[in-house]
């Protein structure tokens, strides 16, 4: 599953929601057991974050988005180090800004890859990608690949429960389904768990909550022993990766016909508050 990626393109909601202006980024994600983040990431307002696997390794990179002194800021840092590439990028009058960041995948490495960033504030979106060092860097601003979870689509997916039994999304037709794509190496995934648990408490008798993990059952059990997560836990394979993408977390709401009615990437303590009205709307539909 951790295969080499010649190119990665991810669409990220900006800002993710529910963070008060002025809340430091580290405070938003500084839950017990969740790694603290480098000093350059502190002081961002309206923070949002995703976790992405490092090609050819079992490690991850965190990419944070936020605002500082009126500018959108991208902070990219390695999960296991303080190595940070930091760049502010002002938004042009046309609403689009592009910036290239040299990102070192490991401390002290001489190999850097270009990270290209595009911000489309009128749509609340950011698009970024990087290429492996041996690949040819594409010119200009990257474009998004077709989204298999576009609104109105009916995704097909088979997952495994932690005991090895299988479940299909089609099995839940007639129910509103809330999906969470996550990984044990994803700090924002852990930070948002309390809010997601409150969703299960509020809507669990009327909707189905499925967490699909990129990890092994052993790794999931080990993390959940420290951080309770009340979604029904399942494991995905390469089919799940193709559906959800290579970034964590991602949240999808399906209506009773199995159609996508909401899809967002990135995580924060306020994710549950963002999802609640979408679940209400799906239940009322």
C-alpha atoms as a PDB file:
ATOM      1  CA  UNK A   1       0.000   0.000   0.000  1.00  0.00           C
ATOM      2  CA  UNK A   2       2.872   2.375   0.787  1.00  0.00           C
ATOM      3  CA  UNK A   3       3.876   2.452  -2.828  1.00  0.00           C
ATOM      4  CA  UNK A   4       5.999   5.128  -4.470  1.00  0.00           C
ATOM      5  CA  UNK A   5       4.099   8.166  -5.624  1.00  0.00           C
ATOM      6  CA  UNK A   6       5.444   9.899  -8.688  1.00  0.00           C
ATOM      7  CA  UNK A   7       2.908  12.660  -8.222  1.00  0.00           C
ATOM      8  CA  UNK A   8       0.501  13.622  -5.491  1.00  0.00           C
ATOM      9  CA  UNK A   9      -2.317  16.124  -5.797  1.00  0.00           C
ATOM     10  CA  UNK A  10      -4.730  16.789  -2.960  1.00  0.00           C
ATOM     11  CA  UNK A  11      -7.672  19.143  -2.620  1.00  0.00           C
ATOM     12  CA  UNK A  12      -7.934  20.625   0.872  1.00  0.00           C
ATOM     13  CA  UNK A  13     -10.780  22.638   2.423  1.00  0.00           C
ATOM     14  CA  UNK A  14      -9.622  26.023   3.737  1.00  0.00           C
ATOM     15  CA  UNK A  15     -10.211  26.937   6.466  1.00  0.00           C
ATOM     16  CA  UNK A  16     -11.506  23.697   7.924  1.00  0.00           C
ATOM     17  CA  UNK A  17     -13.769  25.397  10.472  1.00  0.00           C
ATOM     18  CA  UNK A  18     -14.621  26.061  14.069  1.00  0.00           C
ATOM     19  CA  UNK A  19     -11.305  27.553  15.167  1.00  0.00           C
ATOM     20  CA  UNK A  20     -11.551  30.945  16.832  1.00  0.00           C
ATOM     21  CA  UNK A  21      -9.353  33.656  15.366  1.00  0.00           C
ATOM     22  CA  UNK A  22      -6.221  33.957  17.439  1.00  0.00           C
ATOM     23  CA  UNK A  23      -6.107  30.343  18.652  1.00  0.00           C
ATOM     24  CA  UNK A  24      -2.489  29.134  18.311  1.00  0.00           C
ATOM     25  CA  UNK A  25      -2.038  26.162  16.035  1.00  0.00           C
ATOM     26  CA  UNK A  26      -0.142  24.192  18.687  1.00  0.00           C
ATOM     27  CA  UNK A  27      -2.955  24.776  21.174  1.00  0.00           C
ATOM     28  CA  UNK A  28      -5.469  23.432  18.684  1.00  0.00           C
ATOM     29  CA  UNK A  29      -3.523  20.193  18.239  1.00  0.00           C
ATOM     30  CA  UNK A  30      -1.580  19.898  21.491  1.00  0.00           C
ATOM     31  CA  UNK A  31      -3.667  17.068  22.972  1.00  0.00           C
ATOM     32  CA  UNK A  32      -1.864  14.620  25.291  1.00  0.00           C
ATOM     33  CA  UNK A  33       0.110  12.136  23.234  1.00  0.00           C
ATOM     34  CA  UNK A  34      -0.196  14.171  20.051  1.00  0.00           C
ATOM     35  CA  UNK A  35       3.244  15.473  19.007  1.00  0.00           C
ATOM     36  CA  UNK A  36       3.753  19.190  19.483  1.00  0.00           C
ATOM     37  CA  UNK A  37       4.429  21.109  16.319  1.00  0.00           C
ATOM     38  CA  UNK A  38       7.418  23.259  15.318  1.00  0.00           C
ATOM     39  CA  UNK A  39       7.535  26.890  16.478  1.00  0.00           C
ATOM     40  CA  UNK A  40       6.889  28.225  12.984  1.00  0.00           C
ATOM     41  CA  UNK A  41       3.470  26.561  13.021  1.00  0.00           C
ATOM     42  CA  UNK A  42       2.429  28.386  16.169  1.00  0.00           C
ATOM     43  CA  UNK A  43       0.399  31.539  16.014  1.00  0.00           C
ATOM     44  CA  UNK A  44      -1.523  30.576  12.880  1.00  0.00           C
ATOM     45  CA  UNK A  45      -5.198  31.476  13.001  1.00  0.00           C
ATOM     46  CA  UNK A  46      -7.986  29.519  11.318  1.00  0.00           C
ATOM     47  CA  UNK A  47      -5.714  26.447  11.182  1.00  0.00           C
ATOM     48  CA  UNK A  48      -6.347  23.360   9.093  1.00  0.00           C
ATOM     49  CA  UNK A  49      -4.104  20.362   8.589  1.00  0.00           C
ATOM     50  CA  UNK A  50      -3.647  17.110   6.680  1.00  0.00           C
ATOM     51  CA  UNK A  51      -1.199  14.225   7.023  1.00  0.00           C
ATOM     52  CA  UNK A  52       0.344  12.653   3.910  1.00  0.00           C
ATOM     53  CA  UNK A  53       2.599   9.560   3.624  1.00  0.00           C
ATOM     54  CA  UNK A  54       6.219  10.076   2.594  1.00  0.00           C
ATOM     55  CA  UNK A  55       6.864   8.121  -0.634  1.00  0.00           C
ATOM     56  CA  UNK A  56       8.701   4.814  -0.094  1.00  0.00           C
ATOM     57  CA  UNK A  57       8.607   5.063   3.707  1.00  0.00           C
ATOM     58  CA  UNK A  58       6.235   4.368   6.580  1.00  0.00           C
ATOM     59  CA  UNK A  59       6.551   7.966   7.787  1.00  0.00           C
ATOM     60  CA  UNK A  60       4.374  10.977   7.171  1.00  0.00           C
ATOM     61  CA  UNK A  61       4.514  14.690   6.452  1.00  0.00           C
ATOM     62  CA  UNK A  62       2.179  17.225   8.029  1.00  0.00           C
ATOM     63  CA  UNK A  63       0.931  20.155   5.970  1.00  0.00           C
ATOM     64  CA  UNK A  64      -0.707  22.977   7.902  1.00  0.00           C
ATOM     65  CA  UNK A  65      -2.671  25.899   6.500  1.00  0.00           C
ATOM     66  CA  UNK A  66      -3.508  29.081   8.316  1.00  0.00           C
ATOM     67  CA  UNK A  67      -3.318  32.850   8.403  1.00  0.00           C
ATOM     68  CA  UNK A  68      -0.652  35.152   9.787  1.00  0.00           C
ATOM     69  CA  UNK A  69      -0.644  38.945   9.446  1.00  0.00           C
ATOM     70  CA  UNK A  70      -3.331  38.849   6.787  1.00  0.00           C
ATOM     71  CA  UNK A  71      -1.576  36.318   4.551  1.00  0.00           C
ATOM     72  CA  UNK A  72      -2.357  32.685   3.866  1.00  0.00           C
ATOM     73  CA  UNK A  73       0.531  30.577   5.125  1.00  0.00           C
ATOM     74  CA  UNK A  74       1.563  27.021   4.275  1.00  0.00           C
ATOM     75  CA  UNK A  75       3.717  25.218   6.826  1.00  0.00           C
ATOM     76  CA  UNK A  76       5.165  21.893   5.748  1.00  0.00           C
ATOM     77  CA  UNK A  77       7.058  19.749   8.209  1.00  0.00           C
ATOM     78  CA  UNK A  78       8.205  16.200   8.716  1.00  0.00           C
ATOM     79  CA  UNK A  79       6.301  14.110  11.235  1.00  0.00           C
ATOM     80  CA  UNK A  80       9.480  13.088  13.055  1.00  0.00           C
ATOM     81  CA  UNK A  81      11.628  16.234  12.952  1.00  0.00           C
ATOM     82  CA  UNK A  82      11.688  19.980  13.336  1.00  0.00           C
ATOM     83  CA  UNK A  83      12.678  20.484   9.712  1.00  0.00           C
ATOM     84  CA  UNK A  84      10.243  23.030   8.351  1.00  0.00           C
ATOM     85  CA  UNK A  85       9.752  24.684   4.996  1.00  0.00           C
ATOM     86  CA  UNK A  86       7.777  27.863   5.529  1.00  0.00           C
ATOM     87  CA  UNK A  87       6.352  30.236   2.973  1.00  0.00           C
ATOM     88  CA  UNK A  88       3.703  32.953   3.116  1.00  0.00           C
ATOM     89  CA  UNK A  89       1.893  33.640  -0.115  1.00  0.00           C
ATOM     90  CA  UNK A  90      -0.274  36.731  -0.663  1.00  0.00           C
ATOM     91  CA  UNK A  91      -3.477  36.257  -2.615  1.00  0.00           C
ATOM     92  CA  UNK A  92      -3.444  38.043  -5.960  1.00  0.00           C
ATOM     93  CA  UNK A  93      -6.405  40.130  -7.192  1.00  0.00           C
ATOM     94  CA  UNK A  94      -7.536  37.198  -9.330  1.00  0.00           C
ATOM     95  CA  UNK A  95      -7.854  35.111  -6.171  1.00  0.00           C
ATOM     96  CA  UNK A  96      -5.070  32.693  -7.075  1.00  0.00           C
ATOM     97  CA  UNK A  97      -1.540  32.468  -5.714  1.00  0.00           C
ATOM     98  CA  UNK A  98       1.140  29.936  -6.622  1.00  0.00           C
ATOM     99  CA  UNK A  99       4.333  29.324  -4.686  1.00  0.00           C
ATOM    100  CA  UNK A 100       7.069  26.692  -4.768  1.00  0.00           C
ATOM    101  CA  UNK A 101       8.586  25.374  -1.543  1.00  0.00           C
ATOM    102  CA  UNK A 102      11.688  23.188  -1.314  1.00  0.00           C
ATOM    103  CA  UNK A 103      10.775  20.368   1.040  1.00  0.00           C
ATOM    104  CA  UNK A 104      13.424  18.106   2.577  1.00  0.00           C
ATOM    105  CA  UNK A 105      11.929  14.726   3.355  1.00  0.00           C
ATOM    106  CA  UNK A 106      14.499  13.808   6.033  1.00  0.00           C
ATOM    107  CA  UNK A 107      16.693  15.893   8.348  1.00  0.00           C
ATOM    108  CA  UNK A 108      20.065  16.590   6.751  1.00  0.00           C
ATOM    109  CA  UNK A 109      19.019  15.153   3.416  1.00  0.00           C
ATOM    110  CA  UNK A 110      20.351  16.828   0.294  1.00  0.00           C
ATOM    111  CA  UNK A 111      17.338  15.646  -1.683  1.00  0.00           C
ATOM    112  CA  UNK A 112      14.554  18.193  -1.909  1.00  0.00           C
ATOM    113  CA  UNK A 113      11.369  18.082  -3.923  1.00  0.00           C
ATOM    114  CA  UNK A 114       9.301  21.009  -5.163  1.00  0.00           C
ATOM    115  CA  UNK A 115       5.981  21.627  -3.461  1.00  0.00           C
ATOM    116  CA  UNK A 116       3.584  23.701  -5.539  1.00  0.00           C
ATOM    117  CA  UNK A 117       0.722  25.498  -3.851  1.00  0.00           C
ATOM    118  CA  UNK A 118      -2.382  27.037  -5.351  1.00  0.00           C
ATOM    119  CA  UNK A 119      -4.940  28.930  -3.293  1.00  0.00           C
ATOM    120  CA  UNK A 120      -8.466  29.634  -4.529  1.00  0.00           C
ATOM    121  CA  UNK A 121      -9.975  31.579  -1.610  1.00  0.00           C
ATOM    122  CA  UNK A 122     -13.336  32.292  -3.224  1.00  0.00           C
ATOM    123  CA  UNK A 123     -13.956  28.532  -3.212  1.00  0.00           C
ATOM    124  CA  UNK A 124     -12.224  27.927   0.118  1.00  0.00           C
ATOM    125  CA  UNK A 125      -9.752  25.537  -1.500  1.00  0.00           C
ATOM    126  CA  UNK A 126      -6.023  24.925  -1.588  1.00  0.00           C
ATOM    127  CA  UNK A 127      -4.253  22.564  -3.981  1.00  0.00           C
ATOM    128  CA  UNK A 128      -0.715  21.313  -3.485  1.00  0.00           C
ATOM    129  CA  UNK A 129       1.548  18.607  -4.848  1.00  0.00           C
ATOM    130  CA  UNK A 130       5.143  17.477  -4.870  1.00  0.00           C
ATOM    131  CA  UNK A 131       7.143  15.205  -7.141  1.00  0.00           C
ATOM    132  CA  UNK A 132       9.891  12.713  -6.420  1.00  0.00           C
ATOM    133  CA  UNK A 133      13.377  14.107  -6.979  1.00  0.00           C
ATOM    134  CA  UNK A 134      13.961  11.924 -10.024  1.00  0.00           C
ATOM    135  CA  UNK A 135      10.708  13.027 -11.641  1.00  0.00           C
ATOM    136  CA  UNK A 136      10.471  16.057 -13.886  1.00  0.00           C
ATOM    137  CA  UNK A 137       8.822  18.940 -12.077  1.00  0.00           C
ATOM    138  CA  UNK A 138       5.732  20.021 -13.952  1.00  0.00           C
ATOM    139  CA  UNK A 139       5.538  23.660 -14.926  1.00  0.00           C
ATOM    140  CA  UNK A 140       2.864  26.019 -13.710  1.00  0.00           C
ATOM    141  CA  UNK A 141       0.137  25.304 -11.217  1.00  0.00           C
ATOM    142  CA  UNK A 142      -1.081  21.730 -10.723  1.00  0.00           C
ATOM    143  CA  UNK A 143      -4.623  20.699 -11.539  1.00  0.00           C
ATOM    144  CA  UNK A 144      -6.854  18.396  -9.531  1.00  0.00           C
ATOM    145  CA  UNK A 145      -7.483  14.822 -10.620  1.00  0.00           C
ATOM    146  CA  UNK A 146     -11.120  13.719 -11.044  1.00  0.00           C
ATOM    147  CA  UNK A 147     -12.714  13.261  -7.632  1.00  0.00           C
ATOM    148  CA  UNK A 148     -14.197   9.742  -7.193  1.00  0.00           C
ATOM    149  CA  UNK A 149     -16.186  11.149  -4.258  1.00  0.00           C
ATOM    150  CA  UNK A 150     -17.777  14.039  -6.146  1.00  0.00           C
ATOM    151  CA  UNK A 151     -21.196  15.075  -4.895  1.00  0.00           C
ATOM    152  CA  UNK A 152     -23.903  12.783  -6.205  1.00  0.00           C
ATOM    153  CA  UNK A 153     -21.618   9.826  -6.922  1.00  0.00           C
ATOM    154  CA  UNK A 154     -22.336   6.411  -5.397  1.00  0.00           C
ATOM    155  CA  UNK A 155     -18.978   4.982  -4.295  1.00  0.00           C
ATOM    156  CA  UNK A 156     -18.398   1.238  -4.100  1.00  0.00           C
ATOM    157  CA  UNK A 157     -16.088   0.002  -1.355  1.00  0.00           C
ATOM    158  CA  UNK A 158     -15.449  -3.188   0.586  1.00  0.00           C
ATOM    159  CA  UNK A 159     -13.659  -2.917   3.940  1.00  0.00           C
ATOM    160  CA  UNK A 160     -12.696  -5.345   6.708  1.00  0.00           C
ATOM    161  CA  UNK A 161     -13.688  -5.085  10.339  1.00  0.00           C
ATOM    162  CA  UNK A 162     -10.862  -5.545  12.829  1.00  0.00           C
ATOM    163  CA  UNK A 163     -11.955  -9.168  13.307  1.00  0.00           C
ATOM    164  CA  UNK A 164     -11.457  -9.817   9.581  1.00  0.00           C
ATOM    165  CA  UNK A 165     -15.106  -9.887   8.491  1.00  0.00           C
ATOM    166  CA  UNK A 166     -15.999  -7.868   5.405  1.00  0.00           C
ATOM    167  CA  UNK A 167     -18.507  -5.078   4.953  1.00  0.00           C
ATOM    168  CA  UNK A 168     -19.615  -3.240   1.820  1.00  0.00           C
ATOM    169  CA  UNK A 169     -20.975   0.271   1.572  1.00  0.00           C
ATOM    170  CA  UNK A 170     -23.866  -1.227  -0.370  1.00  0.00           C
ATOM    171  CA  UNK A 171     -24.834  -3.131   2.792  1.00  0.00           C
ATOM    172  CA  UNK A 172     -25.806   0.180   4.402  1.00  0.00           C
ATOM    173  CA  UNK A 173     -28.268   1.387   1.775  1.00  0.00           C
ATOM    174  CA  UNK A 174     -31.264   2.914   3.484  1.00  0.00           C
ATOM    175  CA  UNK A 175     -29.042   4.450   6.173  1.00  0.00           C
ATOM    176  CA  UNK A 176     -27.143   7.709   6.355  1.00  0.00           C
ATOM    177  CA  UNK A 177     -23.440   6.781   6.496  1.00  0.00           C
ATOM    178  CA  UNK A 178     -20.640   8.971   7.849  1.00  0.00           C
ATOM    179  CA  UNK A 179     -17.157   7.876   6.721  1.00  0.00           C
ATOM    180  CA  UNK A 180     -13.801   8.827   8.225  1.00  0.00           C
ATOM    181  CA  UNK A 181     -10.543   7.980   6.384  1.00  0.00           C
ATOM    182  CA  UNK A 182      -7.689   8.108   8.860  1.00  0.00           C
ATOM    183  CA  UNK A 183      -4.317   6.741   9.969  1.00  0.00           C
ATOM    184  CA  UNK A 184      -2.634   6.122  13.312  1.00  0.00           C
ATOM    185  CA  UNK A 185       0.278   8.347  12.195  1.00  0.00           C
ATOM    186  CA  UNK A 186      -2.079  11.283  11.601  1.00  0.00           C
ATOM    187  CA  UNK A 187      -2.004  13.772  14.484  1.00  0.00           C
ATOM    188  CA  UNK A 188      -5.059  15.789  13.350  1.00  0.00           C
ATOM    189  CA  UNK A 189      -6.967  12.500  13.091  1.00  0.00           C
ATOM    190  CA  UNK A 190      -6.342  11.960  16.802  1.00  0.00           C
ATOM    191  CA  UNK A 191      -7.083  15.579  17.685  1.00  0.00           C
ATOM    192  CA  UNK A 192     -10.540  15.425  16.096  1.00  0.00           C
ATOM    193  CA  UNK A 193     -11.603  12.134  17.735  1.00  0.00           C
ATOM    194  CA  UNK A 194     -13.376  13.674  20.769  1.00  0.00           C
ATOM    195  CA  UNK A 195     -15.564  15.778  18.487  1.00  0.00           C
ATOM    196  CA  UNK A 196     -16.316  12.784  16.267  1.00  0.00           C
ATOM    197  CA  UNK A 197     -17.254  10.751  19.338  1.00  0.00           C
ATOM    198  CA  UNK A 198     -19.801  13.428  20.222  1.00  0.00           C
ATOM    199  CA  UNK A 199     -21.348  12.949  16.778  1.00  0.00           C
ATOM    200  CA  UNK A 200     -21.787   9.237  17.463  1.00  0.00           C
ATOM    201  CA  UNK A 201     -23.400  10.069  20.788  1.00  0.00           C
ATOM    202  CA  UNK A 202     -25.792  12.533  19.140  1.00  0.00           C
ATOM    203  CA  UNK A 203     -26.661  10.656  15.930  1.00  0.00           C
ATOM    204  CA  UNK A 204     -25.555   7.054  16.436  1.00  0.00           C
ATOM    205  CA  UNK A 205     -29.130   5.772  16.681  1.00  0.00           C
ATOM    206  CA  UNK A 206     -30.023   7.326  13.303  1.00  0.00           C
ATOM    207  CA  UNK A 207     -26.828   7.105  11.239  1.00  0.00           C
ATOM    208  CA  UNK A 208     -23.949   4.667  10.717  1.00  0.00           C
ATOM    209  CA  UNK A 209     -20.419   5.868  11.486  1.00  0.00           C
ATOM    210  CA  UNK A 210     -17.583   3.975   9.780  1.00  0.00           C
ATOM    211  CA  UNK A 211     -13.887   4.715  10.247  1.00  0.00           C
ATOM    212  CA  UNK A 212     -11.668   3.307   7.488  1.00  0.00           C
ATOM    213  CA  UNK A 213      -8.011   3.068   8.475  1.00  0.00           C
ATOM    214  CA  UNK A 214      -4.899   2.864   6.299  1.00  0.00           C
ATOM    215  CA  UNK A 215      -3.190   0.742   8.977  1.00  0.00           C
ATOM    216  CA  UNK A 216      -3.109  -2.781  10.404  1.00  0.00           C
ATOM    217  CA  UNK A 217      -5.590  -4.031  12.990  1.00  0.00           C
ATOM    218  CA  UNK A 218      -2.774  -4.243  15.543  1.00  0.00           C
ATOM    219  CA  UNK A 219      -1.765  -0.619  15.016  1.00  0.00           C
ATOM    220  CA  UNK A 220      -5.379   0.550  15.254  1.00  0.00           C
ATOM    221  CA  UNK A 221      -5.989  -1.408  18.467  1.00  0.00           C
ATOM    222  CA  UNK A 222      -2.798  -0.018  19.988  1.00  0.00           C
ATOM    223  CA  UNK A 223      -3.764   3.589  19.301  1.00  0.00           C
ATOM    224  CA  UNK A 224      -7.407   3.172  20.336  1.00  0.00           C
ATOM    225  CA  UNK A 225      -6.251   1.851  23.700  1.00  0.00           C
ATOM    226  CA  UNK A 226      -4.966   5.391  24.318  1.00  0.00           C
ATOM    227  CA  UNK A 227      -7.470   7.441  22.322  1.00  0.00           C
ATOM    228  CA  UNK A 228     -11.053   6.085  22.270  1.00  0.00           C
ATOM    229  CA  UNK A 229     -12.755   6.416  18.892  1.00  0.00           C
ATOM    230  CA  UNK A 230     -16.426   5.402  18.788  1.00  0.00           C
ATOM    231  CA  UNK A 231     -16.867   4.964  15.036  1.00  0.00           C
ATOM    232  CA  UNK A 232     -17.127   1.349  13.869  1.00  0.00           C
ATOM    233  CA  UNK A 233     -13.518   0.546  12.983  1.00  0.00           C
ATOM    234  CA  UNK A 234     -12.624  -0.976   9.610  1.00  0.00           C
ATOM    235  CA  UNK A 235      -9.504  -1.399   7.491  1.00  0.00           C
ATOM    236  CA  UNK A 236      -9.107  -0.309   3.875  1.00  0.00           C
ATOM    237  CA  UNK A 237      -6.915  -1.638   1.080  1.00  0.00           C
ATOM    238  CA  UNK A 238      -5.619  -0.102  -2.141  1.00  0.00           C
ATOM    239  CA  UNK A 239      -9.215   0.320  -3.312  1.00  0.00           C
ATOM    240  CA  UNK A 240      -9.901   2.536  -0.311  1.00  0.00           C
ATOM    241  CA  UNK A 241      -6.730   4.518  -1.003  1.00  0.00           C
ATOM    242  CA  UNK A 242      -7.813   5.072  -4.606  1.00  0.00           C
ATOM    243  CA  UNK A 243     -11.209   6.255  -3.384  1.00  0.00           C
ATOM    244  CA  UNK A 244     -10.208   8.513  -0.492  1.00  0.00           C
ATOM    245  CA  UNK A 245      -6.751   9.604  -1.642  1.00  0.00           C
ATOM    246  CA  UNK A 246      -3.351   9.677   0.041  1.00  0.00           C
ATOM    247  CA  UNK A 247      -4.086  12.351   2.664  1.00  0.00           C
ATOM    248  CA  UNK A 248      -5.682  12.031   6.081  1.00  0.00           C
ATOM    249  CA  UNK A 249      -8.185  12.692   7.477  1.00  0.00           C
ATOM    250  CA  UNK A 250     -11.110  12.789   5.064  1.00  0.00           C
ATOM    251  CA  UNK A 251     -14.811  12.876   5.919  1.00  0.00           C
ATOM    252  CA  UNK A 252     -17.651  11.805   3.640  1.00  0.00           C
ATOM    253  CA  UNK A 253     -21.412  11.730   4.270  1.00  0.00           C
ATOM    254  CA  UNK A 254     -23.622   9.407   2.199  1.00  0.00           C
ATOM    255  CA  UNK A 255     -27.389   9.722   1.980  1.00  0.00           C
ATOM    256  CA  UNK A 256     -29.790   6.792   2.234  1.00  0.00           C
ATOM    257  CA  UNK A 257     -29.282   6.015  -1.455  1.00  0.00           C
ATOM    258  CA  UNK A 258     -25.516   5.748  -0.966  1.00  0.00           C
ATOM    259  CA  UNK A 259     -24.804   9.052  -2.732  1.00  0.00           C
ATOM    260  CA  UNK A 260     -22.117  11.490  -1.601  1.00  0.00           C
ATOM    261  CA  UNK A 261     -23.732  14.590  -0.110  1.00  0.00           C
ATOM    262  CA  UNK A 262     -20.656  15.976   1.692  1.00  0.00           C
ATOM    263  CA  UNK A 263     -16.889  15.507   1.335  1.00  0.00           C
ATOM    264  CA  UNK A 264     -14.059  17.359   3.038  1.00  0.00           C
ATOM    265  CA  UNK A 265     -10.372  16.777   3.811  1.00  0.00           C
ATOM    266  CA  UNK A 266      -8.314  17.953   6.761  1.00  0.00           C
ATOM    267  CA  UNK A 267      -8.900  17.739  10.468  1.00  0.00           C
ATOM    268  CA  UNK A 268      -9.173  19.825  13.625  1.00  0.00           C
ATOM    269  CA  UNK A 269     -10.879  19.793  16.997  1.00  0.00           C
ATOM    270  CA  UNK A 270     -13.834  21.507  15.299  1.00  0.00           C
ATOM    271  CA  UNK A 271     -14.442  18.855  12.633  1.00  0.00           C
ATOM    272  CA  UNK A 272     -17.411  17.425  14.520  1.00  0.00           C
ATOM    273  CA  UNK A 273     -19.081  20.837  14.556  1.00  0.00           C
ATOM    274  CA  UNK A 274     -18.585  21.086  10.790  1.00  0.00           C
ATOM    275  CA  UNK A 275     -20.054  17.647  10.161  1.00  0.00           C
ATOM    276  CA  UNK A 276     -23.119  17.986  12.410  1.00  0.00           C
ATOM    277  CA  UNK A 277     -25.257  20.145  10.065  1.00  0.00           C
ATOM    278  CA  UNK A 278     -24.319  17.939   7.102  1.00  0.00           C
ATOM    279  CA  UNK A 279     -25.511  14.860   8.989  1.00  0.00           C
ATOM    280  CA  UNK A 280     -28.705  16.687   9.992  1.00  0.00           C
ATOM    281  CA  UNK A 281     -29.364  17.587   6.360  1.00  0.00           C
ATOM    282  CA  UNK A 282     -28.799  14.004   5.199  1.00  0.00           C
ATOM    283  CA  UNK A 283     -31.137  12.662   7.888  1.00  0.00           C
ATOM    284  CA  UNK A 284     -33.812  15.163   6.886  1.00  0.00           C
ATOM    285  CA  UNK A 285     -33.509  14.293   3.189  1.00  0.00           C
END
